[in-house]
Amino acid sequence: MASEKILDSKKATVAEISDKLKDSESVILFRYTKSTVGDMQGLRKELKKVDSEVKVYKNTLVKRALDDMNIDLDSYLEGQNAIVFGKELLEPIKIVSKFAKDHDNVEILTGVIDGKAATLETINDYASIPSREGLLTMFAGGLIEHVKNLSIALNLYAEKLGEESK
């Protein structure tokens, strides 16, 4: 039978995972078979820029934490998995998606978004959303288009008034 010290350590780890799940807007579970230490360090560095982190836990401990939150991801908890905990919604998803595209040995399995299980399709949809700066640029471009059309219309109207006064 496991000693009291080991059981307490496992309970603390499950509590840590639960806390991270509750504090994260986006959580991504991915398989990283045959990834190098350098690759994972690069991912960690990118995620740290957006206040996110990647952790590796035993699948059984992750399962217990997910069961406490009534989230069923049991079918994905096999093999070498890592979990990304993101304080923001979009940026961690974008970083992990780009990382998975650049590394053939990384496979995004599933995730948790706002406390609910998310499919791979949902994660890919979020990853395809432009960045905040990109969205603001699109918005500004749309506004400029209206101002441009208004200025053309006013110019044509002024020319018409000028021709009528002659």
Protein backbone atom coordinates (compact mmCIF):
# COMPACT_ATOMS: atom_id res chain seq x y z
CA MET A 1 0.00 0.00 0.00
CA ALA A 2 1.20 3.50 -0.80
CA SER A 3 2.64 5.49 2.02
CA GLU A 4 0.87 8.51 3.50
CA LYS A 5 3.59 10.81 2.16
CA ILE A 6 3.08 9.60 -1.45
CA LEU A 7 -0.71 9.91 -1.16
CA ASP A 8 -0.39 13.46 0.17
CA SER A 9 1.95 14.33 -2.69
CA LYS A 10 -0.54 12.98 -5.24
CA LYS A 11 -3.44 14.85 -3.59
CA ALA A 12 -1.41 18.07 -3.72
CA THR A 13 -0.67 17.50 -7.42
CA VAL A 14 -4.35 16.87 -8.19
CA ALA A 15 -5.25 20.06 -6.29
CA GLU A 16 -2.60 21.97 -8.26
CA ILE A 17 -4.00 20.68 -11.57
CA SER A 18 -7.55 21.57 -10.49
CA ASP A 19 -6.50 25.09 -9.53
CA LYS A 20 -4.72 25.59 -12.86
CA LEU A 21 -7.79 24.31 -14.73
CA LYS A 22 -10.06 26.72 -12.86
CA ASP A 23 -7.73 29.70 -13.38
CA SER A 24 -7.22 29.10 -17.11
CA GLU A 25 -9.41 30.42 -19.90
CA SER A 26 -7.93 27.91 -22.32
CA VAL A 27 -6.37 24.51 -21.68
CA ILE A 28 -4.89 22.41 -24.46
CA LEU A 29 -3.96 18.76 -24.20
CA PHE A 30 -1.39 17.62 -26.75
CA ARG A 31 0.80 14.60 -27.44
CA TYR A 32 4.51 15.37 -27.73
CA THR A 33 6.05 12.01 -28.59
CA LYS A 34 9.73 12.25 -29.61
CA SER A 35 9.90 16.02 -29.09
CA THR A 36 13.33 17.31 -28.13
CA VAL A 37 14.07 19.20 -24.96
CA GLY A 38 15.00 22.22 -27.10
CA ASP A 39 11.62 22.14 -28.85
CA MET A 40 9.75 22.05 -25.55
CA GLN A 41 11.92 24.84 -24.12
CA GLY A 42 11.10 26.97 -27.16
CA LEU A 43 7.39 26.32 -26.62
CA ARG A 44 7.71 27.19 -22.93
CA LYS A 45 9.46 30.45 -23.80
CA GLU A 46 6.75 31.46 -26.30
CA LEU A 47 3.97 30.60 -23.84
CA LYS A 48 5.62 32.53 -21.04
CA LYS A 49 5.30 35.71 -23.14
CA VAL A 50 1.50 35.40 -22.96
CA ASP A 51 1.34 34.37 -19.27
CA SER A 52 0.80 30.67 -20.05
CA GLU A 53 2.66 27.51 -19.22
CA VAL A 54 3.06 23.93 -20.34
CA LYS A 55 3.17 21.13 -17.79
CA VAL A 56 3.53 17.36 -17.89
CA TYR A 57 1.61 15.33 -15.30
CA LYS A 58 0.73 11.68 -14.87
CA ASN A 59 -2.42 10.94 -16.83
CA THR A 60 -4.11 9.36 -13.80
CA LEU A 61 -3.67 12.56 -11.78
CA VAL A 62 -5.01 14.69 -14.63
CA LYS A 63 -8.00 12.35 -14.89
CA ARG A 64 -8.79 12.81 -11.20
CA ALA A 65 -8.61 16.61 -11.49
CA LEU A 66 -10.85 16.56 -14.57
CA ASP A 67 -13.31 14.22 -12.83
CA ASP A 68 -13.55 16.72 -9.96
CA MET A 69 -14.63 19.35 -12.52
CA ASN A 70 -17.01 16.95 -14.35
CA ILE A 71 -14.99 17.12 -17.58
CA ASP A 72 -14.61 13.86 -19.48
CA LEU A 73 -11.38 13.61 -21.49
CA ASP A 74 -10.54 10.03 -20.48
CA SER A 75 -10.15 8.80 -24.06
CA TYR A 76 -7.29 11.28 -24.63
CA LEU A 77 -5.33 10.49 -21.47
CA GLU A 78 -2.95 7.90 -22.87
CA GLY A 79 0.70 8.15 -23.81
CA GLN A 80 2.99 11.17 -23.48
CA ASN A 81 0.71 14.14 -22.99
CA ALA A 82 1.40 17.71 -22.00
CA ILE A 83 -1.06 20.38 -20.94
CA VAL A 84 -0.96 24.08 -21.74
CA PHE A 85 -2.67 26.33 -19.20
CA GLY A 86 -3.49 29.75 -20.64
CA LYS A 87 -4.67 32.82 -18.75
CA GLU A 88 -5.80 34.27 -22.08
CA LEU A 89 -8.15 32.57 -24.49
CA LEU A 90 -6.63 32.97 -27.96
CA GLU A 91 -2.88 33.47 -27.74
CA PRO A 92 -1.96 30.12 -26.11
CA ILE A 93 -4.13 28.29 -28.65
CA LYS A 94 -2.42 30.12 -31.52
CA ILE A 95 1.06 29.36 -30.14
CA VAL A 96 0.40 25.64 -29.63
CA SER A 97 -1.30 25.34 -33.04
CA LYS A 98 1.69 26.96 -34.74
CA PHE A 99 4.04 24.72 -32.74
CA ALA A 100 2.08 21.61 -33.81
CA LYS A 101 2.22 22.70 -37.48
CA ASP A 102 5.98 23.24 -37.27
CA HIS A 103 6.65 19.92 -35.49
CA ASP A 104 5.28 16.71 -37.00
CA ASN A 105 5.67 14.80 -33.75
CA VAL A 106 3.24 17.08 -31.87
CA GLU A 107 -0.48 16.39 -32.06
CA ILE A 108 -3.17 18.54 -30.45
CA LEU A 109 -5.75 16.19 -28.95
CA THR A 110 -8.40 18.27 -27.21
CA GLY A 111 -8.83 21.13 -24.81
CA VAL A 112 -10.94 22.91 -22.25
CA ILE A 113 -12.26 26.37 -23.04
CA ASP A 114 -14.09 28.32 -20.34
CA GLY A 115 -14.46 25.18 -18.23
CA LYS A 116 -15.99 23.02 -20.97
CA ALA A 117 -14.43 20.31 -23.10
CA ALA A 118 -13.51 21.54 -26.59
CA THR A 119 -13.06 19.47 -29.72
CA LEU A 120 -10.07 19.69 -32.02
CA GLU A 121 -12.26 21.52 -34.56
CA THR A 122 -13.15 24.17 -31.97
CA ILE A 123 -9.49 24.65 -31.10
CA ASN A 124 -8.61 24.99 -34.79
CA ASP A 125 -11.41 27.56 -35.22
CA TYR A 126 -10.01 29.62 -32.35
CA ALA A 127 -6.49 29.30 -33.77
CA SER A 128 -7.66 30.75 -37.11
CA ILE A 129 -9.02 33.95 -35.54
CA PRO A 130 -6.71 36.89 -36.33
CA SER A 131 -4.79 38.49 -33.49
CA ARG A 132 -6.17 41.51 -31.64
CA GLU A 133 -3.94 43.80 -33.69
CA GLY A 134 -5.13 42.14 -36.89
CA LEU A 135 -8.76 42.59 -35.92
CA LEU A 136 -8.18 46.25 -35.04
CA THR A 137 -6.48 46.78 -38.41
CA MET A 138 -9.46 45.21 -40.19
CA PHE A 139 -11.83 47.41 -38.21
CA ALA A 140 -9.83 50.56 -38.99
CA GLY A 141 -9.72 49.59 -42.67
CA GLY A 142 -13.49 49.24 -42.68
CA LEU A 143 -13.91 52.66 -41.09
CA ILE A 144 -11.49 54.28 -43.53
CA GLU A 145 -13.45 52.81 -46.45
CA HIS A 146 -16.61 54.62 -45.29
CA VAL A 147 -14.76 57.91 -44.81
CA LYS A 148 -13.21 57.54 -48.28
CA ASN A 149 -16.63 56.91 -49.86
CA LEU A 150 -18.10 59.90 -48.02
CA SER A 151 -15.28 62.17 -49.19
CA ILE A 152 -15.77 61.03 -52.81
CA ALA A 153 -19.51 61.67 -52.57
CA LEU A 154 -18.98 65.14 -51.06
CA ASN A 155 -16.41 65.98 -53.73
CA LEU A 156 -18.79 64.92 -56.51
CA TYR A 157 -21.58 66.95 -54.93
CA ALA A 158 -19.31 70.01 -54.68
CA GLU A 159 -18.32 69.64 -58.34
CA LYS A 160 -22.01 69.38 -59.31
CA LEU A 161 -22.83 72.53 -57.34
CA GLY A 162 -19.89 74.28 -58.99
CA GLU A 163 -21.15 73.34 -62.47
CA GLU A 164 -24.71 74.50 -61.68
CA SER A 165 -23.55 77.92 -60.49
CA LYS A 166 -21.80 78.64 -63.82
